[in-house]
Amino acid sequence: MAYVIADGCTKDTACVDVCPVDCIHPRKEEPNFESEARLYINPVDCIDCGACVPVCPVTIIFALDDLPPESAQFAPINADWYAKKV
């Protein structure tokens, strides 16, 4: 079970800073940070620690099992962003 960033991401990088396995991107120093509309969690690298959840200022990070039905489309959006990077 990975975590998912749903709709409403403001690209506040508090979640990036607390992630112990660096699975949330893009980082501010990455070239695509400005052009991306949101941040993404890599479902393969995520260790399900939940450190990102309490620091999200807009409370839109959910465990996959707790993802609201109206936000279900964001699970593949997060995964697909990483699939394009391979």
Protein backbone atom coordinates (compact mmCIF):
# COMPACT_ATOMS: atom_id res chain seq x y z
CA MET A 1 0.00 0.00 0.00
CA ALA A 2 1.49 3.32 -1.06
CA TYR A 3 0.41 6.86 -0.39
CA VAL A 4 -1.21 9.00 -3.07
CA ILE A 5 -1.29 12.76 -3.62
CA ALA A 6 -4.84 13.63 -4.67
CA ASP A 7 -6.29 16.78 -6.23
CA GLY A 8 -5.33 20.16 -4.82
CA CYS A 9 -1.56 19.79 -4.47
CA THR A 10 0.01 23.22 -3.93
CA LYS A 11 3.58 21.93 -4.44
CA ASP A 12 4.48 22.84 -0.87
CA THR A 13 7.52 20.63 -0.46
CA ALA A 14 7.14 19.84 3.24
CA CYS A 15 6.23 16.28 2.22
CA VAL A 16 9.36 16.02 0.09
CA ASP A 17 11.51 17.18 3.00
CA VAL A 18 10.19 14.57 5.46
CA CYS A 19 10.13 11.57 3.13
CA PRO A 20 12.82 9.16 4.39
CA VAL A 21 13.17 7.37 1.04
CA ASP A 22 12.97 10.32 -1.37
CA CYS A 23 9.92 9.00 -3.21
CA ILE A 24 8.09 12.33 -3.69
CA HIS A 25 9.00 14.37 -6.76
CA PRO A 26 9.72 16.65 -8.41
CA ARG A 27 11.96 18.41 -5.90
CA LYS A 28 12.42 22.18 -6.11
CA GLU A 29 15.90 21.75 -7.59
CA GLU A 30 14.74 19.40 -10.35
CA PRO A 31 14.36 21.01 -13.79
CA ASN A 32 10.72 19.99 -14.17
CA PHE A 33 9.54 21.38 -10.81
CA GLU A 34 8.15 24.61 -12.26
CA SER A 35 6.43 22.96 -15.20
CA GLU A 36 4.67 20.26 -13.18
CA ALA A 37 1.25 21.08 -11.75
CA ARG A 38 1.68 18.86 -8.69
CA LEU A 39 3.94 16.52 -6.74
CA TYR A 40 3.81 12.74 -7.12
CA ILE A 41 4.54 9.77 -4.84
CA ASN A 42 6.33 6.78 -6.35
CA PRO A 43 4.19 3.76 -5.37
CA VAL A 44 7.10 1.37 -5.79
CA ASP A 45 9.55 3.26 -3.57
CA CYS A 46 7.03 4.43 -0.95
CA ILE A 47 7.56 2.53 2.32
CA ASP A 48 4.13 3.42 3.70
CA CYS A 49 5.54 5.33 6.66
CA GLY A 50 2.97 8.12 6.46
CA ALA A 51 5.47 10.87 7.34
CA CYS A 52 4.12 13.00 4.49
CA VAL A 53 0.51 13.00 5.68
CA PRO A 54 0.67 15.31 8.72
CA VAL A 55 2.88 17.90 6.99
CA CYS A 56 0.65 18.36 3.93
CA PRO A 57 -0.86 21.83 4.31
CA VAL A 58 -3.88 20.95 2.17
CA THR A 59 -4.43 17.42 3.59
CA ILE A 60 -4.61 15.67 0.23
CA ILE A 61 -2.18 12.80 0.83
CA PHE A 62 -3.93 9.51 1.49
CA ALA A 63 -3.00 5.88 2.02
CA LEU A 64 -4.16 4.01 -1.07
CA ASP A 65 -6.76 2.11 0.97
CA ASP A 66 -8.12 5.40 2.38
CA LEU A 67 -8.24 7.28 -0.92
CA PRO A 68 -11.72 8.82 -1.29
CA PRO A 69 -13.66 7.36 -4.23
CA GLU A 70 -13.81 10.77 -5.91
CA SER A 71 -9.98 10.83 -5.88
CA ALA A 72 -9.38 7.29 -7.14
CA GLN A 73 -8.04 8.54 -10.49
CA PHE A 74 -4.99 10.02 -8.73
CA ALA A 75 -3.47 6.62 -7.85
CA PRO A 76 -2.62 5.86 -11.50
CA ILE A 77 -1.69 9.50 -12.13
CA ASN A 78 1.02 9.24 -9.45
CA ALA A 79 2.27 5.88 -10.75
CA ASP A 80 2.18 6.95 -14.40
CA TRP A 81 4.37 9.99 -13.71
CA TYR A 82 7.15 7.66 -12.55
CA ALA A 83 6.58 5.18 -15.38
CA LYS A 84 7.32 7.98 -17.86
CA LYS A 85 10.68 8.64 -16.13
CA VAL A 86 12.00 5.11 -16.75
